[in-house]
Amino acid sequence: KKDIPAANFITHEIHCRRNIEVCRFCSDSVPKDEMQKHVEAEHVQVTCKCRMKMENSLLKDHEASACPLRPALCQYCDIPLAFNRLLEHEVYCGARTEMCGGCGRNVLLKELKEHPRVCG
């Protein structure tokens, strides 16, 4: 939105009333001839792969940060999993062991980052 000089305000207001419409869903100002396309692109109901229904404009953010089926990597093995299965997998995966090259002991993967501090 921009400031309109007072001398142009009446002309601007007439132009807007004739050509611009406010979306009833999001209150954005949209050219009247593009309103149907705007509603269909932004506000149509879609279903995510997790079966949650939402407006199309919200789907990308949902898939990136809130969807329980969004991809996530295990911190121990870098295998991609669905986010809702990650915790269970990491509990199992972090309980595996690897031999420490320094002390020769088997160390839990979940303790590998801290191990050098206590390694003989």
N, C-alpha and C. Protein backbone atom coordinates (compact mmCIF):
# COMPACT_ATOMS: atom_id res chain seq x y z
N LYS A 1 0.85 -1.18 0.00
CA LYS A 1 0.00 0.00 0.00
C LYS A 1 0.89 1.24 0.00
N LYS A 2 0.47 2.22 -0.76
CA LYS A 2 1.25 3.44 -0.91
C LYS A 2 0.41 4.64 -0.52
N ASP A 3 1.09 5.72 -0.17
CA ASP A 3 0.39 6.98 0.07
C ASP A 3 -0.04 7.56 -1.27
N ILE A 4 -1.25 8.09 -1.31
CA ILE A 4 -1.79 8.69 -2.53
C ILE A 4 -1.81 10.21 -2.33
N PRO A 5 -1.20 10.96 -3.26
CA PRO A 5 -1.26 12.42 -3.14
C PRO A 5 -2.72 12.89 -3.13
N ALA A 6 -3.00 13.90 -2.34
CA ALA A 6 -4.38 14.39 -2.18
C ALA A 6 -5.00 14.76 -3.52
N ALA A 7 -4.21 15.33 -4.42
CA ALA A 7 -4.73 15.75 -5.72
C ALA A 7 -5.20 14.55 -6.56
N ASN A 8 -4.64 13.38 -6.34
CA ASN A 8 -4.99 12.19 -7.12
C ASN A 8 -5.96 11.26 -6.41
N PHE A 9 -6.33 11.59 -5.18
CA PHE A 9 -7.08 10.65 -4.37
C PHE A 9 -8.44 10.30 -4.96
N ILE A 10 -9.19 11.26 -5.41
CA ILE A 10 -10.53 10.99 -5.94
C ILE A 10 -10.44 10.10 -7.18
N THR A 11 -9.51 10.38 -8.07
CA THR A 11 -9.31 9.55 -9.25
C THR A 11 -8.93 8.13 -8.85
N HIS A 12 -8.03 8.03 -7.88
CA HIS A 12 -7.59 6.73 -7.39
C HIS A 12 -8.77 5.95 -6.79
N GLU A 13 -9.57 6.61 -5.99
CA GLU A 13 -10.71 5.96 -5.34
C GLU A 13 -11.71 5.44 -6.38
N ILE A 14 -11.97 6.22 -7.40
CA ILE A 14 -12.90 5.80 -8.46
C ILE A 14 -12.33 4.58 -9.19
N HIS A 15 -11.05 4.63 -9.51
CA HIS A 15 -10.39 3.50 -10.18
C HIS A 15 -10.50 2.23 -9.33
N CYS A 16 -10.21 2.34 -8.04
CA CYS A 16 -10.25 1.17 -7.16
C CYS A 16 -11.65 0.59 -7.05
N ARG A 17 -12.64 1.43 -6.87
CA ARG A 17 -14.02 0.93 -6.76
C ARG A 17 -14.46 0.21 -8.02
N ARG A 18 -13.98 0.67 -9.16
CA ARG A 18 -14.35 0.08 -10.43
C ARG A 18 -13.58 -1.23 -10.71
N ASN A 19 -12.32 -1.30 -10.28
CA ASN A 19 -11.44 -2.39 -10.72
C ASN A 19 -10.95 -3.34 -9.63
N ILE A 20 -11.07 -2.97 -8.38
CA ILE A 20 -10.50 -3.76 -7.29
C ILE A 20 -11.60 -4.28 -6.38
N GLU A 21 -11.41 -5.51 -5.91
CA GLU A 21 -12.36 -6.13 -5.01
C GLU A 21 -11.59 -6.67 -3.80
N VAL A 22 -12.21 -6.69 -2.64
CA VAL A 22 -11.58 -7.24 -1.44
C VAL A 22 -12.02 -8.70 -1.30
N CYS A 23 -11.06 -9.59 -1.18
CA CYS A 23 -11.37 -11.02 -1.05
C CYS A 23 -12.11 -11.26 0.26
N ARG A 24 -13.21 -11.98 0.19
CA ARG A 24 -14.02 -12.24 1.38
C ARG A 24 -13.35 -13.23 2.34
N PHE A 25 -12.34 -13.95 1.87
CA PHE A 25 -11.65 -14.94 2.71
C PHE A 25 -10.43 -14.36 3.42
N CYS A 26 -9.62 -13.58 2.68
CA CYS A 26 -8.35 -13.12 3.24
C CYS A 26 -8.20 -11.60 3.30
N SER A 27 -9.17 -10.88 2.79
CA SER A 27 -9.17 -9.42 2.79
C SER A 27 -8.08 -8.79 1.93
N ASP A 28 -7.47 -9.56 1.05
CA ASP A 28 -6.52 -9.00 0.09
C ASP A 28 -7.28 -8.22 -0.97
N SER A 29 -6.64 -7.18 -1.49
CA SER A 29 -7.20 -6.44 -2.61
C SER A 29 -6.77 -7.13 -3.89
N VAL A 30 -7.75 -7.50 -4.70
CA VAL A 30 -7.49 -8.28 -5.91
C VAL A 30 -8.24 -7.63 -7.07
N PRO A 31 -7.62 -7.54 -8.25
CA PRO A 31 -8.37 -7.03 -9.40
C PRO A 31 -9.62 -7.88 -9.62
N LYS A 32 -10.74 -7.22 -9.92
CA LYS A 32 -12.01 -7.93 -10.05
C LYS A 32 -11.95 -9.05 -11.08
N ASP A 33 -11.25 -8.83 -12.18
CA ASP A 33 -11.19 -9.87 -13.22
C ASP A 33 -10.29 -11.04 -12.84
N GLU A 34 -9.58 -10.95 -11.72
CA GLU A 34 -8.72 -12.05 -11.26
C GLU A 34 -9.23 -12.70 -9.96
N MET A 35 -10.39 -12.24 -9.47
CA MET A 35 -10.89 -12.73 -8.18
C MET A 35 -11.18 -14.23 -8.21
N GLN A 36 -11.82 -14.72 -9.25
CA GLN A 36 -12.14 -16.15 -9.30
C GLN A 36 -10.85 -16.98 -9.31
N LYS A 37 -9.87 -16.54 -10.08
CA LYS A 37 -8.58 -17.25 -10.14
C LYS A 37 -7.90 -17.21 -8.76
N HIS A 38 -7.97 -16.06 -8.08
CA HIS A 38 -7.39 -15.91 -6.74
C HIS A 38 -8.05 -16.89 -5.76
N VAL A 39 -9.36 -16.92 -5.75
CA VAL A 39 -10.09 -17.81 -4.82
C VAL A 39 -9.76 -19.27 -5.12
N GLU A 40 -9.73 -19.65 -6.39
CA GLU A 40 -9.43 -21.03 -6.75
C GLU A 40 -7.99 -21.42 -6.41
N ALA A 41 -7.06 -20.49 -6.55
CA ALA A 41 -5.65 -20.80 -6.28
C ALA A 41 -5.33 -20.77 -4.79
N GLU A 42 -5.91 -19.84 -4.06
CA GLU A 42 -5.52 -19.65 -2.66
C GLU A 42 -6.47 -20.27 -1.65
N HIS A 43 -7.75 -20.30 -1.93
CA HIS A 43 -8.73 -20.63 -0.90
C HIS A 43 -9.49 -21.93 -1.13
N VAL A 44 -9.22 -22.62 -2.22
CA VAL A 44 -9.89 -23.90 -2.45
C VAL A 44 -9.41 -24.89 -1.38
N GLN A 45 -10.30 -25.75 -0.92
CA GLN A 45 -9.94 -26.74 0.09
C GLN A 45 -9.18 -27.89 -0.57
N VAL A 46 -8.05 -28.25 0.03
CA VAL A 46 -7.26 -29.38 -0.44
C VAL A 46 -7.04 -30.32 0.74
N THR A 47 -6.64 -31.54 0.44
CA THR A 47 -6.37 -32.52 1.48
C THR A 47 -4.90 -32.90 1.42
N CYS A 48 -4.22 -32.77 2.53
CA CYS A 48 -2.81 -33.15 2.64
C CYS A 48 -2.71 -34.68 2.65
N LYS A 49 -1.50 -35.18 2.42
CA LYS A 49 -1.29 -36.64 2.46
C LYS A 49 -1.59 -37.22 3.84
N CYS A 50 -1.62 -36.35 4.88
CA CYS A 50 -1.97 -36.81 6.23
C CYS A 50 -3.48 -36.77 6.47
N ARG A 51 -4.22 -36.44 5.41
CA ARG A 51 -5.70 -36.40 5.42
C ARG A 51 -6.28 -35.17 6.10
N MET A 52 -5.46 -34.20 6.44
CA MET A 52 -5.96 -32.96 7.02
C MET A 52 -6.42 -32.04 5.89
N LYS A 53 -7.58 -31.39 6.04
CA LYS A 53 -8.10 -30.48 5.03
C LYS A 53 -7.76 -29.06 5.42
N MET A 54 -7.40 -28.26 4.39
CA MET A 54 -7.02 -26.86 4.61
C MET A 54 -7.10 -26.12 3.30
N GLU A 55 -6.96 -24.79 3.37
CA GLU A 55 -6.90 -23.99 2.16
C GLU A 55 -5.58 -24.25 1.45
N ASN A 56 -5.62 -24.19 0.14
CA ASN A 56 -4.43 -24.44 -0.67
C ASN A 56 -3.26 -23.53 -0.28
N SER A 57 -3.55 -22.29 0.09
CA SER A 57 -2.49 -21.34 0.44
C SER A 57 -1.74 -21.75 1.71
N LEU A 58 -2.33 -22.61 2.54
CA LEU A 58 -1.70 -23.04 3.78
C LEU A 58 -0.95 -24.36 3.65
N LEU A 59 -1.15 -25.05 2.54
CA LEU A 59 -0.61 -26.40 2.39
C LEU A 59 0.91 -26.45 2.45
N LYS A 60 1.59 -25.54 1.75
CA LYS A 60 3.06 -25.58 1.69
C LYS A 60 3.67 -25.44 3.09
N ASP A 61 3.18 -24.48 3.89
CA ASP A 61 3.70 -24.31 5.26
C ASP A 61 3.38 -25.53 6.11
N HIS A 62 2.19 -26.07 5.96
CA HIS A 62 1.79 -27.27 6.72
C HIS A 62 2.73 -28.42 6.41
N GLU A 63 2.97 -28.66 5.12
CA GLU A 63 3.83 -29.77 4.72
C GLU A 63 5.26 -29.58 5.22
N ALA A 64 5.71 -28.35 5.33
CA ALA A 64 7.09 -28.08 5.75
C ALA A 64 7.29 -28.14 7.26
N SER A 65 6.26 -27.76 8.04
CA SER A 65 6.52 -27.65 9.47
C SER A 65 5.52 -28.31 10.41
N ALA A 66 4.35 -28.69 9.94
CA ALA A 66 3.35 -29.22 10.86
C ALA A 66 2.84 -30.62 10.51
N CYS A 67 3.01 -31.03 9.28
CA CYS A 67 2.46 -32.32 8.85
C CYS A 67 3.18 -33.47 9.56
N PRO A 68 2.43 -34.39 10.16
CA PRO A 68 3.08 -35.52 10.83
C PRO A 68 3.78 -36.46 9.84
N LEU A 69 3.47 -36.33 8.55
CA LEU A 69 4.11 -37.19 7.54
C LEU A 69 5.23 -36.49 6.79
N ARG A 70 5.60 -35.27 7.24
CA ARG A 70 6.69 -34.56 6.55
C ARG A 70 7.99 -35.33 6.71
N PRO A 71 8.89 -35.25 5.74
CA PRO A 71 10.14 -35.99 5.83
C PRO A 71 11.06 -35.41 6.91
N ALA A 72 11.74 -36.30 7.61
CA ALA A 72 12.71 -35.91 8.64
C ALA A 72 13.85 -36.92 8.61
N LEU A 73 15.05 -36.46 8.95
CA LEU A 73 16.21 -37.34 8.94
C LEU A 73 16.57 -37.79 10.34
N CYS A 74 16.90 -39.06 10.49
CA CYS A 74 17.39 -39.59 11.76
C CYS A 74 18.74 -38.95 12.05
N GLN A 75 18.93 -38.48 13.27
CA GLN A 75 20.18 -37.83 13.63
C GLN A 75 21.35 -38.80 13.74
N TYR A 76 21.06 -40.09 13.80
CA TYR A 76 22.12 -41.08 13.95
C TYR A 76 22.51 -41.77 12.64
N CYS A 77 21.54 -41.99 11.75
CA CYS A 77 21.85 -42.74 10.52
C CYS A 77 21.47 -42.00 9.25
N ASP A 78 20.86 -40.82 9.37
CA ASP A 78 20.47 -39.99 8.21
C ASP A 78 19.47 -40.65 7.28
N ILE A 79 18.74 -41.65 7.75
CA ILE A 79 17.68 -42.26 6.95
C ILE A 79 16.47 -41.33 6.99
N PRO A 80 15.86 -41.02 5.83
CA PRO A 80 14.65 -40.19 5.84
C PRO A 80 13.44 -41.01 6.31
N LEU A 81 12.69 -40.42 7.21
CA LEU A 81 11.49 -41.06 7.77
C LEU A 81 10.37 -40.03 7.84
N ALA A 82 9.15 -40.50 8.03
CA ALA A 82 8.04 -39.60 8.33
C ALA A 82 8.25 -39.07 9.75
N PHE A 83 7.97 -37.79 9.96
CA PHE A 83 8.22 -37.15 11.25
C PHE A 83 7.56 -37.90 12.40
N ASN A 84 6.35 -38.42 12.19
CA ASN A 84 5.64 -39.11 13.27
C ASN A 84 6.26 -40.45 13.64
N ARG A 85 7.23 -40.93 12.87
CA ARG A 85 7.91 -42.19 13.19
C ARG A 85 9.35 -41.95 13.66
N LEU A 86 9.79 -40.70 13.62
CA LEU A 86 11.19 -40.36 13.90
C LEU A 86 11.59 -40.68 15.34
N LEU A 87 10.81 -40.27 16.32
CA LEU A 87 11.17 -40.48 17.72
C LEU A 87 11.37 -41.96 18.04
N GLU A 88 10.41 -42.77 17.63
CA GLU A 88 10.52 -44.21 17.89
C GLU A 88 11.78 -44.79 17.23
N HIS A 89 12.05 -44.36 16.00
CA HIS A 89 13.24 -44.85 15.30
C HIS A 89 14.52 -44.39 16.00
N GLU A 90 14.58 -43.12 16.41
CA GLU A 90 15.80 -42.60 17.04
C GLU A 90 16.07 -43.25 18.39
N VAL A 91 15.04 -43.65 19.12
CA VAL A 91 15.24 -44.38 20.37
C VAL A 91 15.95 -45.70 20.07
N TYR A 92 15.47 -46.40 19.06
CA TYR A 92 16.08 -47.67 18.66
C TYR A 92 17.47 -47.43 18.08
N CYS A 93 17.58 -46.51 17.15
CA CYS A 93 18.82 -46.28 16.42
C CYS A 93 19.92 -45.75 17.34
N GLY A 94 19.57 -44.87 18.28
CA GLY A 94 20.55 -44.32 19.21
C GLY A 94 21.07 -45.33 20.20
N ALA A 95 20.36 -46.46 20.34
CA ALA A 95 20.79 -47.51 21.27
C ALA A 95 21.79 -48.48 20.63
N ARG A 96 22.03 -48.32 19.32
CA ARG A 96 23.07 -49.14 18.69
C ARG A 96 24.44 -48.66 19.17
N THR A 97 25.45 -49.47 19.01
CA THR A 97 26.79 -49.09 19.49
C THR A 97 27.79 -49.05 18.35
N GLU A 98 28.84 -48.29 18.61
CA GLU A 98 29.99 -48.20 17.70
C GLU A 98 31.24 -48.24 18.55
N MET A 99 32.29 -48.85 18.03
CA MET A 99 33.52 -48.94 18.81
C MET A 99 34.26 -47.60 18.72
N CYS A 100 34.72 -47.12 19.87
CA CYS A 100 35.50 -45.89 19.93
C CYS A 100 36.94 -46.20 19.49
N GLY A 101 37.43 -45.42 18.56
CA GLY A 101 38.80 -45.61 18.08
C GLY A 101 39.85 -45.24 19.13
N GLY A 102 39.46 -44.43 20.12
CA GLY A 102 40.41 -43.99 21.14
C GLY A 102 40.58 -45.00 22.27
N CYS A 103 39.45 -45.44 22.85
CA CYS A 103 39.53 -46.30 24.04
C CYS A 103 39.13 -47.74 23.75
N GLY A 104 38.58 -48.01 22.58
CA GLY A 104 38.21 -49.37 22.21
C GLY A 104 36.90 -49.86 22.80
N ARG A 105 36.20 -49.00 23.56
CA ARG A 105 34.92 -49.40 24.15
C ARG A 105 33.79 -49.24 23.15
N ASN A 106 32.75 -50.05 23.32
CA ASN A 106 31.53 -49.87 22.53
C ASN A 106 30.73 -48.74 23.17
N VAL A 107 30.34 -47.76 22.36
CA VAL A 107 29.65 -46.58 22.85
C VAL A 107 28.31 -46.47 22.13
N LEU A 108 27.25 -46.17 22.89
CA LEU A 108 25.93 -45.96 22.29
C LEU A 108 26.01 -44.78 21.31
N LEU A 109 25.34 -44.89 20.18
CA LEU A 109 25.35 -43.79 19.21
C LEU A 109 24.83 -42.50 19.82
N LYS A 110 23.84 -42.60 20.70
CA LYS A 110 23.29 -41.39 21.31
C LYS A 110 24.28 -40.74 22.28
N GLU A 111 25.35 -41.45 22.65
CA GLU A 111 26.34 -40.89 23.56
C GLU A 111 27.66 -40.55 22.85
N LEU A 112 27.72 -40.76 21.54
CA LEU A 112 28.97 -40.55 20.81
C LEU A 112 29.46 -39.10 20.87
N LYS A 113 28.58 -38.14 20.83
CA LYS A 113 28.99 -36.73 20.86
C LYS A 113 29.66 -36.37 22.18
N GLU A 114 29.17 -36.92 23.27
CA GLU A 114 29.72 -36.62 24.60
C GLU A 114 30.91 -37.51 24.95
N HIS A 115 31.06 -38.62 24.28
CA HIS A 115 32.08 -39.60 24.64
C HIS A 115 33.52 -39.05 24.64
N PRO A 116 33.92 -38.25 23.64
CA PRO A 116 35.30 -37.75 23.65
C PRO A 116 35.69 -37.02 24.95
N ARG A 117 34.71 -36.43 25.62
CA ARG A 117 34.97 -35.73 26.89
C ARG A 117 35.39 -36.69 28.00
N VAL A 118 34.84 -37.92 27.96
CA VAL A 118 35.12 -38.88 29.03
C VAL A 118 36.01 -40.02 28.56
N CYS A 119 36.39 -40.01 27.30
CA CYS A 119 37.21 -41.09 26.73
C CYS A 119 38.60 -41.04 27.36
N GLY A 120 39.12 -42.22 27.74
CA GLY A 120 40.41 -42.34 28.39
C GLY A 120 41.50 -41.76 27.54
